[in-house]
């Protein structure tokens, strides 16, 4: 099985994920930029789950503050309270403030120079908000490569280079592939894997066959 084979299997099994999830109606109503929600969400999702991010985003929406311009002008203490559900809210508020001062289309280097933004967050922003060809590497991607292909690397960029060398250089595929990996990892390839029900169990090089769904 190749990486492009894996992509096709996941796509056939789960369908298009259409990431990044945004509230288009909100932005149409308030004349705000949808990409701002992607950037904000990418920062808020650090070290937490998406349900907690949704609560924080909803707080920003309720207060009509779901844009980088609004975040730039808001009092930081109020911002901290609004994003509190996402966890690490003091650090994330500082990151959001810094990001709100960036130019229209920041480079990867500029993003990585902001304290608190690592490669995964930077690449998420670049890929989903700015349509730049960066493949996002997260713990799910590393886990899948290890279990399905027995492939591990020491560095983040080694994972990204390996994947992008094996698949078409297509931004839409990058977006969908990352989203599909996340979906598969959440359903089956968990920390304690649910191998018994996994759609890839016959192709996995590290068959564990846990029946647990935990």
N, C-alpha and C. Protein backbone atom coordinates (compact mmCIF):
# COMPACT_ATOMS: atom_id res chain seq x y z
N UNK A 1 0.84 -1.20 0.00
CA UNK A 1 0.00 0.00 0.00
C UNK A 1 0.87 1.25 0.00
N UNK A 2 0.57 2.17 -0.90
CA UNK A 2 1.29 3.44 -0.95
C UNK A 2 0.49 4.50 -0.19
N UNK A 3 1.10 5.65 -0.02
CA UNK A 3 0.40 6.74 0.67
C UNK A 3 -0.79 7.25 -0.14
N UNK A 4 -0.68 7.24 -1.45
CA UNK A 4 -1.83 7.67 -2.26
C UNK A 4 -2.92 6.61 -2.23
N UNK A 5 -2.54 5.33 -2.13
CA UNK A 5 -3.54 4.26 -1.94
C UNK A 5 -4.31 4.50 -0.65
N UNK A 6 -3.56 4.82 0.40
CA UNK A 6 -4.18 5.07 1.70
C UNK A 6 -5.16 6.23 1.62
N UNK A 7 -4.76 7.28 0.93
CA UNK A 7 -5.65 8.43 0.75
C UNK A 7 -6.96 8.02 0.09
N UNK A 8 -6.87 7.23 -0.96
CA UNK A 8 -8.07 6.81 -1.68
C UNK A 8 -8.96 5.92 -0.82
N UNK A 9 -8.35 5.06 -0.01
CA UNK A 9 -9.13 4.19 0.88
C UNK A 9 -9.86 5.02 1.93
N UNK A 10 -9.15 5.96 2.53
CA UNK A 10 -9.77 6.81 3.56
C UNK A 10 -10.88 7.67 2.96
N UNK A 11 -10.62 8.20 1.77
CA UNK A 11 -11.63 9.05 1.12
C UNK A 11 -12.87 8.24 0.77
N UNK A 12 -12.68 7.02 0.29
CA UNK A 12 -13.83 6.15 -0.04
C UNK A 12 -14.61 5.77 1.21
N UNK A 13 -13.91 5.62 2.32
CA UNK A 13 -14.55 5.18 3.57
C UNK A 13 -15.27 6.32 4.30
N UNK A 14 -14.65 7.50 4.33
CA UNK A 14 -15.18 8.59 5.16
C UNK A 14 -15.76 9.75 4.36
N UNK A 15 -15.44 9.83 3.08
CA UNK A 15 -15.92 10.93 2.26
C UNK A 15 -15.13 12.21 2.51
N UNK A 16 -15.45 13.23 1.74
CA UNK A 16 -14.75 14.51 1.89
C UNK A 16 -15.09 15.14 3.23
N UNK A 17 -14.08 15.60 3.94
CA UNK A 17 -14.26 16.21 5.25
C UNK A 17 -14.49 17.72 5.17
N UNK A 18 -14.05 18.31 4.06
CA UNK A 18 -14.27 19.75 3.81
C UNK A 18 -13.76 20.64 4.94
N UNK A 19 -12.54 20.33 5.38
CA UNK A 19 -11.91 21.17 6.41
C UNK A 19 -11.42 22.47 5.78
N UNK A 20 -11.32 23.55 6.49
CA UNK A 20 -11.47 23.76 7.93
C UNK A 20 -12.90 24.17 8.21
N UNK A 21 -13.55 23.64 9.26
CA UNK A 21 -14.94 24.02 9.56
C UNK A 21 -15.05 25.49 9.98
N UNK A 22 -15.91 26.23 9.30
CA UNK A 22 -16.15 27.64 9.65
C UNK A 22 -17.64 27.93 9.63
N UNK A 23 -18.02 29.02 10.25
CA UNK A 23 -19.42 29.47 10.26
C UNK A 23 -19.58 30.54 9.18
N UNK A 24 -19.87 30.09 7.96
CA UNK A 24 -19.95 31.02 6.83
C UNK A 24 -21.05 32.06 7.02
N UNK A 25 -22.17 31.66 7.62
CA UNK A 25 -23.27 32.59 7.84
C UNK A 25 -22.86 33.73 8.76
N UNK A 26 -22.09 33.41 9.80
CA UNK A 26 -21.62 34.45 10.73
C UNK A 26 -20.80 35.49 9.97
N UNK A 27 -19.88 35.03 9.16
CA UNK A 27 -18.99 35.96 8.47
C UNK A 27 -19.73 36.78 7.41
N UNK A 28 -20.74 36.18 6.79
CA UNK A 28 -21.54 36.92 5.84
C UNK A 28 -22.35 37.99 6.54
N UNK A 29 -22.90 37.64 7.69
CA UNK A 29 -23.71 38.59 8.45
C UNK A 29 -22.89 39.74 8.99
N UNK A 30 -21.69 39.43 9.49
CA UNK A 30 -20.87 40.45 10.15
C UNK A 30 -19.76 41.02 9.25
N UNK A 31 -19.77 40.60 7.98
CA UNK A 31 -18.79 41.10 7.02
C UNK A 31 -17.35 40.92 7.51
N UNK A 32 -17.07 39.72 7.99
CA UNK A 32 -15.74 39.38 8.48
C UNK A 32 -15.12 38.31 7.58
N UNK A 33 -13.83 38.13 7.70
CA UNK A 33 -13.09 37.21 6.84
C UNK A 33 -13.10 35.80 7.41
N UNK A 34 -13.62 34.80 6.68
CA UNK A 34 -13.65 33.43 7.19
C UNK A 34 -12.29 32.89 7.56
N UNK A 35 -11.26 33.34 6.88
CA UNK A 35 -9.92 32.82 7.18
C UNK A 35 -9.49 33.19 8.60
N UNK A 36 -10.04 34.27 9.13
CA UNK A 36 -9.70 34.66 10.51
C UNK A 36 -10.15 33.58 11.49
N UNK A 37 -11.32 32.98 11.23
CA UNK A 37 -11.81 31.91 12.10
C UNK A 37 -10.89 30.69 12.04
N UNK A 38 -10.34 30.41 10.87
CA UNK A 38 -9.40 29.30 10.72
C UNK A 38 -8.14 29.56 11.54
N UNK A 39 -7.61 30.77 11.43
CA UNK A 39 -6.39 31.14 12.16
C UNK A 39 -6.63 31.07 13.66
N UNK A 40 -7.73 31.65 14.09
CA UNK A 40 -8.06 31.65 15.53
C UNK A 40 -8.25 30.22 16.02
N UNK A 41 -8.97 29.42 15.24
CA UNK A 41 -9.22 28.03 15.63
C UNK A 41 -7.95 27.21 15.70
N UNK A 42 -7.03 27.45 14.78
CA UNK A 42 -5.77 26.70 14.77
C UNK A 42 -4.95 26.98 16.02
N UNK A 43 -5.05 28.18 16.53
CA UNK A 43 -4.34 28.53 17.76
C UNK A 43 -5.06 27.97 18.99
N UNK A 44 -6.37 28.09 18.99
CA UNK A 44 -7.14 27.62 20.15
C UNK A 44 -7.11 26.11 20.31
N UNK A 45 -6.91 25.38 19.21
CA UNK A 45 -6.95 23.92 19.28
C UNK A 45 -5.68 23.30 19.84
N UNK A 46 -4.67 24.12 20.11
CA UNK A 46 -3.43 23.60 20.70
C UNK A 46 -3.73 22.96 22.07
N UNK A 47 -3.30 21.73 22.24
CA UNK A 47 -3.39 21.02 23.52
C UNK A 47 -4.81 20.90 24.06
N UNK A 48 -5.78 20.76 23.18
CA UNK A 48 -7.16 20.56 23.64
C UNK A 48 -7.94 19.87 22.54
N UNK A 49 -9.20 19.55 22.80
CA UNK A 49 -10.03 18.91 21.77
C UNK A 49 -10.95 19.95 21.13
N UNK A 50 -11.50 19.59 19.99
CA UNK A 50 -12.26 20.55 19.20
C UNK A 50 -13.53 21.02 19.91
N UNK A 51 -14.11 20.19 20.74
CA UNK A 51 -15.32 20.61 21.46
C UNK A 51 -15.04 21.81 22.35
N UNK A 52 -13.87 21.83 22.98
CA UNK A 52 -13.50 22.97 23.81
C UNK A 52 -13.24 24.21 22.95
N UNK A 53 -12.67 23.99 21.78
CA UNK A 53 -12.44 25.11 20.86
C UNK A 53 -13.77 25.71 20.41
N UNK A 54 -14.73 24.85 20.13
CA UNK A 54 -16.04 25.33 19.69
C UNK A 54 -16.70 26.23 20.74
N UNK A 55 -16.51 25.90 22.00
CA UNK A 55 -17.07 26.72 23.07
C UNK A 55 -16.43 28.11 23.08
N UNK A 56 -15.12 28.14 22.90
CA UNK A 56 -14.41 29.42 22.87
C UNK A 56 -14.82 30.24 21.64
N UNK A 57 -14.93 29.58 20.49
CA UNK A 57 -15.35 30.27 19.28
C UNK A 57 -16.76 30.82 19.42
N UNK A 58 -17.62 30.05 20.07
CA UNK A 58 -18.99 30.51 20.27
C UNK A 58 -19.03 31.75 21.16
N UNK A 59 -18.16 31.80 22.16
CA UNK A 59 -18.07 32.99 23.00
C UNK A 59 -17.67 34.21 22.18
N UNK A 60 -16.72 34.02 21.29
CA UNK A 60 -16.28 35.13 20.43
C UNK A 60 -17.40 35.56 19.49
N UNK A 61 -18.14 34.58 18.95
CA UNK A 61 -19.25 34.91 18.06
C UNK A 61 -20.33 35.70 18.80
N UNK A 62 -20.68 35.23 19.98
CA UNK A 62 -21.74 35.87 20.76
C UNK A 62 -21.42 37.34 21.01
N UNK A 63 -20.14 37.61 21.18
CA UNK A 63 -19.70 38.98 21.44
C UNK A 63 -19.25 39.71 20.17
N UNK A 64 -19.53 39.10 19.01
CA UNK A 64 -19.20 39.68 17.70
C UNK A 64 -17.72 40.03 17.60
N UNK A 65 -16.89 39.08 18.04
CA UNK A 65 -15.45 39.31 18.10
C UNK A 65 -14.65 38.25 17.34
N UNK A 66 -15.32 37.54 16.44
CA UNK A 66 -14.64 36.46 15.72
C UNK A 66 -13.94 36.99 14.47
N UNK A 67 -12.94 37.81 14.69
CA UNK A 67 -12.10 38.31 13.61
C UNK A 67 -10.79 38.80 14.21
N UNK A 68 -9.76 38.84 13.41
CA UNK A 68 -8.46 39.30 13.91
C UNK A 68 -8.47 40.78 14.21
N UNK A 69 -9.25 41.54 13.45
CA UNK A 69 -9.36 42.97 13.72
C UNK A 69 -9.98 43.21 15.09
N UNK A 70 -11.03 42.45 15.40
CA UNK A 70 -11.69 42.59 16.70
C UNK A 70 -10.76 42.18 17.82
N UNK A 71 -10.01 41.09 17.60
CA UNK A 71 -9.07 40.62 18.62
C UNK A 71 -7.95 41.62 18.85
N UNK A 72 -7.55 42.30 17.79
CA UNK A 72 -6.50 43.31 17.91
C UNK A 72 -6.94 44.44 18.83
N UNK A 73 -8.23 44.79 18.77
CA UNK A 73 -8.74 45.94 19.54
C UNK A 73 -9.28 45.59 20.92
N UNK A 74 -9.59 44.31 21.14
CA UNK A 74 -10.23 43.91 22.40
C UNK A 74 -9.24 43.96 23.56
N UNK A 75 -9.75 44.23 24.75
CA UNK A 75 -8.94 44.16 25.96
C UNK A 75 -8.51 42.71 26.18
N UNK A 76 -7.25 42.51 26.47
CA UNK A 76 -6.72 41.15 26.54
C UNK A 76 -7.34 40.35 27.69
N UNK A 77 -7.74 41.01 28.77
CA UNK A 77 -8.35 40.29 29.88
C UNK A 77 -9.71 39.74 29.49
N UNK A 78 -10.46 40.50 28.71
CA UNK A 78 -11.74 40.00 28.21
C UNK A 78 -11.51 38.86 27.23
N UNK A 79 -10.51 39.00 26.39
CA UNK A 79 -10.18 37.93 25.45
C UNK A 79 -9.87 36.63 26.19
N UNK A 80 -9.10 36.73 27.26
CA UNK A 80 -8.76 35.54 28.04
C UNK A 80 -10.01 34.84 28.57
N UNK A 81 -10.96 35.62 29.04
CA UNK A 81 -12.19 35.03 29.58
C UNK A 81 -13.01 34.35 28.49
N UNK A 82 -13.05 34.97 27.33
CA UNK A 82 -13.86 34.41 26.24
C UNK A 82 -13.28 33.11 25.70
N UNK A 83 -11.97 33.00 25.71
CA UNK A 83 -11.35 31.77 25.16
C UNK A 83 -10.97 30.77 26.26
N UNK A 84 -11.36 31.06 27.47
CA UNK A 84 -11.02 30.19 28.61
C UNK A 84 -11.36 28.71 28.37
N UNK A 85 -12.52 28.39 27.73
CA UNK A 85 -12.85 26.97 27.54
C UNK A 85 -11.81 26.18 26.75
N UNK A 86 -10.98 26.85 25.97
CA UNK A 86 -9.99 26.15 25.14
C UNK A 86 -8.76 25.74 25.93
N UNK A 87 -8.66 26.21 27.19
CA UNK A 87 -7.50 25.87 28.00
C UNK A 87 -6.28 26.70 27.62
N UNK A 88 -5.33 26.77 28.56
CA UNK A 88 -4.10 27.56 28.33
C UNK A 88 -4.45 28.95 27.78
N UNK A 89 -5.54 29.52 28.30
CA UNK A 89 -6.11 30.72 27.70
C UNK A 89 -5.22 31.95 27.82
N UNK A 90 -4.40 32.02 28.87
CA UNK A 90 -3.53 33.18 28.99
C UNK A 90 -2.48 33.19 27.90
N UNK A 91 -1.88 32.04 27.65
CA UNK A 91 -0.87 31.94 26.59
C UNK A 91 -1.49 32.13 25.21
N UNK A 92 -2.65 31.52 25.00
CA UNK A 92 -3.31 31.62 23.70
C UNK A 92 -3.77 33.05 23.41
N UNK A 93 -4.19 33.77 24.45
CA UNK A 93 -4.60 35.17 24.24
C UNK A 93 -3.42 36.00 23.75
N UNK A 94 -2.25 35.77 24.29
CA UNK A 94 -1.06 36.50 23.86
C UNK A 94 -0.70 36.17 22.41
N UNK A 95 -0.83 34.88 22.07
CA UNK A 95 -0.55 34.47 20.69
C UNK A 95 -1.52 35.14 19.73
N UNK A 96 -2.80 35.12 20.07
CA UNK A 96 -3.82 35.74 19.21
C UNK A 96 -3.56 37.22 19.03
N UNK A 97 -3.15 37.89 20.08
CA UNK A 97 -2.84 39.31 19.98
C UNK A 97 -1.69 39.55 19.01
N UNK A 98 -0.67 38.72 19.10
CA UNK A 98 0.48 38.88 18.20
C UNK A 98 0.08 38.60 16.75
N UNK A 99 -0.69 37.55 16.55
CA UNK A 99 -1.12 37.19 15.20
C UNK A 99 -2.00 38.28 14.60
N UNK A 100 -2.79 38.93 15.43
CA UNK A 100 -3.69 39.97 14.92
C UNK A 100 -2.94 41.17 14.36
N UNK A 101 -1.65 41.27 14.67
CA UNK A 101 -0.83 42.38 14.19
C UNK A 101 -0.01 42.03 12.94
N UNK A 102 -0.16 40.81 12.45
CA UNK A 102 0.64 40.37 11.31
C UNK A 102 0.14 40.97 10.01
N UNK A 103 1.01 40.88 9.00
CA UNK A 103 0.63 41.30 7.66
C UNK A 103 -0.42 40.34 7.11
N UNK A 104 -0.97 40.71 5.96
CA UNK A 104 -2.08 39.96 5.38
C UNK A 104 -1.74 38.50 5.11
N UNK A 105 -0.55 38.24 4.60
CA UNK A 105 -0.19 36.86 4.27
C UNK A 105 1.20 36.53 4.83
N UNK A 106 1.24 36.10 6.08
CA UNK A 106 2.54 35.84 6.73
C UNK A 106 3.24 34.61 6.16
N UNK A 107 4.54 34.62 6.21
CA UNK A 107 5.32 33.46 5.81
C UNK A 107 5.41 32.48 6.97
N UNK A 108 5.88 31.30 6.69
CA UNK A 108 6.07 30.29 7.74
C UNK A 108 7.09 30.80 8.77
N UNK A 109 8.14 31.43 8.28
CA UNK A 109 9.17 31.94 9.18
C UNK A 109 8.61 32.98 10.14
N UNK A 110 7.76 33.86 9.64
CA UNK A 110 7.15 34.89 10.49
C UNK A 110 6.27 34.24 11.56
N UNK A 111 5.47 33.26 11.15
CA UNK A 111 4.61 32.58 12.12
C UNK A 111 5.43 31.86 13.19
N UNK A 112 6.49 31.19 12.78
CA UNK A 112 7.31 30.43 13.72
C UNK A 112 8.10 31.34 14.67
N UNK A 113 8.24 32.60 14.31
CA UNK A 113 8.91 33.55 15.19
C UNK A 113 8.02 34.04 16.33
N UNK A 114 6.73 33.69 16.27
CA UNK A 114 5.81 34.05 17.35
C UNK A 114 5.88 32.98 18.43
N UNK A 115 6.19 33.40 19.62
CA UNK A 115 6.29 32.45 20.73
C UNK A 115 4.95 31.76 20.95
N UNK A 116 4.98 30.44 20.91
CA UNK A 116 3.75 29.67 21.12
C UNK A 116 3.20 29.07 19.84
N UNK A 117 3.76 29.47 18.70
CA UNK A 117 3.35 28.87 17.43
C UNK A 117 4.45 27.94 16.95
N UNK A 118 4.12 26.66 16.88
CA UNK A 118 5.06 25.67 16.38
C UNK A 118 4.75 25.33 14.94
N UNK A 119 5.43 24.34 14.43
CA UNK A 119 5.29 24.00 13.01
C UNK A 119 3.91 23.47 12.67
N UNK A 120 3.32 22.68 13.55
CA UNK A 120 1.99 22.15 13.26
C UNK A 120 0.95 23.27 13.14
N UNK A 121 0.99 24.21 14.09
CA UNK A 121 0.04 25.32 14.05
C UNK A 121 0.31 26.21 12.85
N UNK A 122 1.57 26.52 12.61
CA UNK A 122 1.93 27.37 11.46
C UNK A 122 1.45 26.75 10.16
N UNK A 123 1.70 25.46 10.00
CA UNK A 123 1.32 24.79 8.74
C UNK A 123 -0.20 24.68 8.60
N UNK A 124 -0.91 24.52 9.70
CA UNK A 124 -2.37 24.51 9.67
C UNK A 124 -2.90 25.85 9.16
N UNK A 125 -2.32 26.92 9.68
CA UNK A 125 -2.72 28.27 9.25
C UNK A 125 -2.41 28.49 7.78
N UNK A 126 -1.20 28.12 7.38
CA UNK A 126 -0.78 28.35 6.00
C UNK A 126 -1.60 27.53 5.01
N UNK A 127 -1.87 26.27 5.35
CA UNK A 127 -2.62 25.40 4.45
C UNK A 127 -4.09 25.78 4.37
N UNK A 128 -4.74 25.87 5.51
CA UNK A 128 -6.19 26.04 5.52
C UNK A 128 -6.65 27.49 5.39
N UNK A 129 -5.88 28.43 5.89
CA UNK A 129 -6.29 29.83 5.79
C UNK A 129 -5.76 30.50 4.53
N UNK A 130 -4.52 30.15 4.15
CA UNK A 130 -3.88 30.85 3.04
C UNK A 130 -3.63 29.99 1.80
N UNK A 131 -4.08 28.74 1.85
CA UNK A 131 -3.95 27.83 0.70
C UNK A 131 -2.50 27.69 0.23
N UNK A 132 -1.60 27.55 1.19
CA UNK A 132 -0.20 27.34 0.88
C UNK A 132 0.12 25.84 1.02
N UNK A 133 1.03 25.31 0.19
CA UNK A 133 1.28 23.87 0.16
C UNK A 133 2.15 23.35 1.30
N UNK A 134 1.58 23.33 2.49
CA UNK A 134 2.27 22.76 3.65
C UNK A 134 1.41 21.63 4.20
N UNK A 135 1.98 20.43 4.31
CA UNK A 135 1.23 19.30 4.86
C UNK A 135 1.36 19.32 6.38
N UNK A 136 0.24 19.26 7.07
CA UNK A 136 0.22 19.35 8.53
C UNK A 136 0.56 17.99 9.15
N UNK A 137 1.55 18.00 10.01
CA UNK A 137 1.96 16.78 10.71
C UNK A 137 1.54 16.89 12.17
N UNK A 138 0.67 15.98 12.60
CA UNK A 138 0.26 15.95 14.00
C UNK A 138 0.52 14.55 14.56
N UNK A 139 0.10 14.35 15.80
CA UNK A 139 0.37 13.06 16.45
C UNK A 139 -0.37 11.92 15.73
N UNK A 140 -1.52 12.23 15.12
CA UNK A 140 -2.26 11.20 14.40
C UNK A 140 -1.50 10.74 13.17
N UNK A 141 -0.90 11.68 12.46
CA UNK A 141 -0.13 11.35 11.27
C UNK A 141 1.07 10.49 11.62
N UNK A 142 1.76 10.87 12.66
CA UNK A 142 2.93 10.10 13.10
C UNK A 142 2.53 8.69 13.52
N UNK A 143 1.42 8.59 14.22
CA UNK A 143 0.94 7.29 14.68
C UNK A 143 0.57 6.39 13.51
N UNK A 144 -0.10 6.97 12.51
CA UNK A 144 -0.53 6.19 11.36
C UNK A 144 0.66 5.69 10.54
N UNK A 145 1.64 6.56 10.33
CA UNK A 145 2.83 6.15 9.58
C UNK A 145 3.58 5.05 10.31
N UNK A 146 3.63 5.14 11.61
CA UNK A 146 4.33 4.14 12.41
C UNK A 146 3.61 2.80 12.34
N UNK A 147 2.29 2.80 12.54
CA UNK A 147 1.56 1.55 12.62
C UNK A 147 1.30 0.91 11.25
N UNK A 148 1.06 1.74 10.24
CA UNK A 148 0.74 1.18 8.92
C UNK A 148 1.97 0.86 8.09
N UNK A 149 3.03 1.68 8.27
CA UNK A 149 4.20 1.54 7.41
C UNK A 149 5.50 1.30 8.17
N UNK A 150 5.44 1.32 9.51
CA UNK A 150 6.63 1.17 10.34
C UNK A 150 7.66 2.26 10.00
N UNK A 151 7.15 3.48 9.86
CA UNK A 151 8.00 4.62 9.52
C UNK A 151 7.97 5.64 10.65
N UNK A 152 9.14 6.00 11.13
CA UNK A 152 9.25 7.06 12.13
C UNK A 152 10.44 7.95 11.78
N UNK A 153 10.31 9.22 12.11
CA UNK A 153 11.40 10.17 11.92
C UNK A 153 11.61 10.95 13.21
N UNK A 154 12.75 11.59 13.32
CA UNK A 154 13.03 12.40 14.50
C UNK A 154 12.43 13.80 14.38
N UNK A 155 12.41 14.32 13.15
CA UNK A 155 12.03 15.72 12.96
C UNK A 155 10.70 15.87 12.24
N UNK A 156 9.98 16.92 12.60
CA UNK A 156 8.69 17.24 11.98
C UNK A 156 8.82 17.35 10.47
N UNK A 157 9.80 18.13 10.02
CA UNK A 157 9.94 18.39 8.58
C UNK A 157 10.29 17.13 7.79
N UNK A 158 10.87 16.13 8.45
CA UNK A 158 11.15 14.87 7.77
C UNK A 158 9.84 14.15 7.42
N UNK A 159 8.89 14.20 8.35
CA UNK A 159 7.58 13.62 8.07
C UNK A 159 6.91 14.33 6.90
N UNK A 160 6.93 15.65 6.94
CA UNK A 160 6.28 16.44 5.90
C UNK A 160 6.91 16.18 4.54
N UNK A 161 8.23 16.15 4.50
CA UNK A 161 8.94 15.91 3.23
C UNK A 161 8.63 14.52 2.68
N UNK A 162 8.59 13.54 3.58
CA UNK A 162 8.30 12.17 3.15
C UNK A 162 6.91 12.09 2.52
N UNK A 163 5.92 12.65 3.19
CA UNK A 163 4.54 12.56 2.69
C UNK A 163 4.39 13.31 1.38
N UNK A 164 4.89 14.54 1.33
CA UNK A 164 4.69 15.35 0.12
C UNK A 164 5.47 14.80 -1.08
N UNK A 165 6.49 13.99 -0.82
CA UNK A 165 7.23 13.38 -1.93
C UNK A 165 6.49 12.17 -2.50
N UNK A 166 5.49 11.68 -1.76
CA UNK A 166 4.79 10.45 -2.15
C UNK A 166 3.39 10.71 -2.72
N UNK A 167 2.91 11.94 -2.61
CA UNK A 167 1.54 12.24 -3.05
C UNK A 167 1.57 13.43 -4.02
N UNK A 168 0.49 13.63 -4.78
CA UNK A 168 0.44 14.78 -5.70
C UNK A 168 0.59 16.10 -4.95
N UNK A 169 1.26 17.05 -5.57
CA UNK A 169 1.44 18.37 -4.96
C UNK A 169 0.18 19.19 -5.19
N UNK A 170 -0.84 18.86 -4.43
CA UNK A 170 -2.17 19.43 -4.63
C UNK A 170 -2.71 19.90 -3.28
N UNK A 171 -3.02 21.18 -3.17
CA UNK A 171 -3.45 21.76 -1.89
C UNK A 171 -4.74 21.10 -1.40
N UNK A 172 -5.67 20.84 -2.31
CA UNK A 172 -6.94 20.21 -1.89
C UNK A 172 -6.69 18.81 -1.32
N UNK A 173 -5.76 18.07 -1.93
CA UNK A 173 -5.43 16.75 -1.39
C UNK A 173 -4.75 16.89 -0.03
N UNK A 174 -3.86 17.86 0.12
CA UNK A 174 -3.21 18.09 1.41
C UNK A 174 -4.27 18.31 2.49
N UNK A 175 -5.24 19.17 2.18
CA UNK A 175 -6.29 19.50 3.16
C UNK A 175 -7.11 18.26 3.52
N UNK A 176 -7.57 17.56 2.49
CA UNK A 176 -8.42 16.40 2.74
C UNK A 176 -7.66 15.26 3.41
N UNK A 177 -6.43 15.05 2.98
CA UNK A 177 -5.66 13.92 3.52
C UNK A 177 -5.45 14.11 5.02
N UNK A 178 -5.05 15.30 5.42
CA UNK A 178 -4.84 15.54 6.85
C UNK A 178 -6.14 15.34 7.63
N UNK A 179 -7.24 15.87 7.10
CA UNK A 179 -8.53 15.72 7.77
C UNK A 179 -8.95 14.25 7.86
N UNK A 180 -8.70 13.49 6.81
CA UNK A 180 -9.06 12.07 6.80
C UNK A 180 -8.21 11.27 7.79
N UNK A 181 -6.94 11.62 7.91
CA UNK A 181 -6.08 10.96 8.90
C UNK A 181 -6.62 11.19 10.30
N UNK A 182 -7.02 12.42 10.59
CA UNK A 182 -7.58 12.74 11.90
C UNK A 182 -8.85 11.93 12.15
N UNK A 183 -9.71 11.87 11.14
CA UNK A 183 -10.96 11.12 11.29
C UNK A 183 -10.69 9.64 11.55
N UNK A 184 -9.77 9.05 10.79
CA UNK A 184 -9.45 7.64 10.98
C UNK A 184 -8.83 7.38 12.35
N UNK A 185 -7.95 8.26 12.78
CA UNK A 185 -7.28 8.08 14.07
C UNK A 185 -8.26 8.20 15.22
N UNK A 186 -9.23 9.05 15.09
CA UNK A 186 -10.22 9.21 16.16
C UNK A 186 -11.16 8.00 16.23
N UNK A 187 -11.44 7.42 15.08
CA UNK A 187 -12.36 6.27 15.05
C UNK A 187 -11.67 4.97 15.42
N UNK A 188 -10.48 4.75 14.86
CA UNK A 188 -9.84 3.45 14.99
C UNK A 188 -8.42 3.49 15.56
N UNK A 189 -7.57 4.32 14.95
CA UNK A 189 -6.16 4.28 15.31
C UNK A 189 -5.87 5.21 16.50
N UNK A 190 -6.53 4.88 17.60
CA UNK A 190 -6.38 5.68 18.82
C UNK A 190 -5.10 5.28 19.54
N UNK A 191 -4.85 5.97 20.61
CA UNK A 191 -3.67 5.63 21.41
C UNK A 191 -3.74 4.17 21.81
N UNK A 192 -4.91 3.75 22.31
CA UNK A 192 -5.20 2.32 22.46
C UNK A 192 -6.06 1.95 21.26
N UNK A 193 -5.51 1.32 20.26
CA UNK A 193 -6.21 1.17 18.99
C UNK A 193 -7.39 0.22 19.01
N UNK A 194 -8.36 0.53 18.18
CA UNK A 194 -9.52 -0.33 17.98
C UNK A 194 -9.31 -1.13 16.70
N UNK A 195 -8.30 -1.98 16.71
CA UNK A 195 -7.88 -2.68 15.50
C UNK A 195 -8.93 -3.65 14.98
N UNK A 196 -9.71 -4.24 15.88
CA UNK A 196 -10.68 -5.24 15.46
C UNK A 196 -11.69 -4.72 14.46
N UNK A 197 -12.03 -3.44 14.55
CA UNK A 197 -13.01 -2.84 13.65
C UNK A 197 -12.38 -1.96 12.58
N UNK A 198 -11.08 -1.84 12.60
CA UNK A 198 -10.38 -0.92 11.71
C UNK A 198 -10.47 -1.36 10.25
N UNK A 199 -10.75 -0.42 9.38
CA UNK A 199 -10.87 -0.72 7.95
C UNK A 199 -9.52 -1.04 7.32
N UNK A 200 -8.44 -0.75 8.04
CA UNK A 200 -7.09 -0.98 7.51
C UNK A 200 -6.37 -2.13 8.20
N UNK A 201 -7.09 -2.90 9.00
CA UNK A 201 -6.42 -3.91 9.83
C UNK A 201 -5.64 -4.95 9.02
N UNK A 202 -6.11 -5.26 7.81
CA UNK A 202 -5.42 -6.25 7.00
C UNK A 202 -4.17 -5.71 6.31
N UNK A 203 -4.02 -4.38 6.36
CA UNK A 203 -2.86 -3.75 5.72
C UNK A 203 -1.87 -3.19 6.73
N UNK A 204 -2.20 -3.30 8.01
CA UNK A 204 -1.38 -2.70 9.06
C UNK A 204 -0.20 -3.61 9.39
N UNK A 205 0.99 -3.03 9.46
CA UNK A 205 2.18 -3.84 9.76
C UNK A 205 2.33 -4.10 11.26
N UNK A 206 1.60 -3.33 12.07
CA UNK A 206 1.68 -3.52 13.52
C UNK A 206 0.30 -3.89 14.05
N UNK A 207 -0.11 -5.10 13.72
CA UNK A 207 -1.44 -5.56 14.11
C UNK A 207 -1.49 -5.83 15.61
N UNK A 208 -2.36 -5.10 16.28
CA UNK A 208 -2.53 -5.27 17.73
C UNK A 208 -3.86 -5.90 18.04
N UNK A 209 -4.86 -5.56 17.21
CA UNK A 209 -6.22 -6.11 17.32
C UNK A 209 -6.83 -5.94 18.69
N UNK A 210 -6.83 -4.70 19.17
CA UNK A 210 -7.60 -4.37 20.36
C UNK A 210 -9.06 -4.27 19.99
N UNK A 211 -9.91 -4.79 20.82
CA UNK A 211 -11.35 -4.65 20.56
C UNK A 211 -11.93 -3.46 21.30
N UNK A 212 -11.12 -2.86 22.19
CA UNK A 212 -11.60 -1.73 22.98
C UNK A 212 -11.89 -0.53 22.11
N UNK A 213 -12.93 0.21 22.48
CA UNK A 213 -13.28 1.45 21.79
C UNK A 213 -12.88 2.66 22.62
N UNK A 214 -12.10 2.47 23.65
CA UNK A 214 -11.72 3.57 24.54
C UNK A 214 -10.65 4.40 23.89
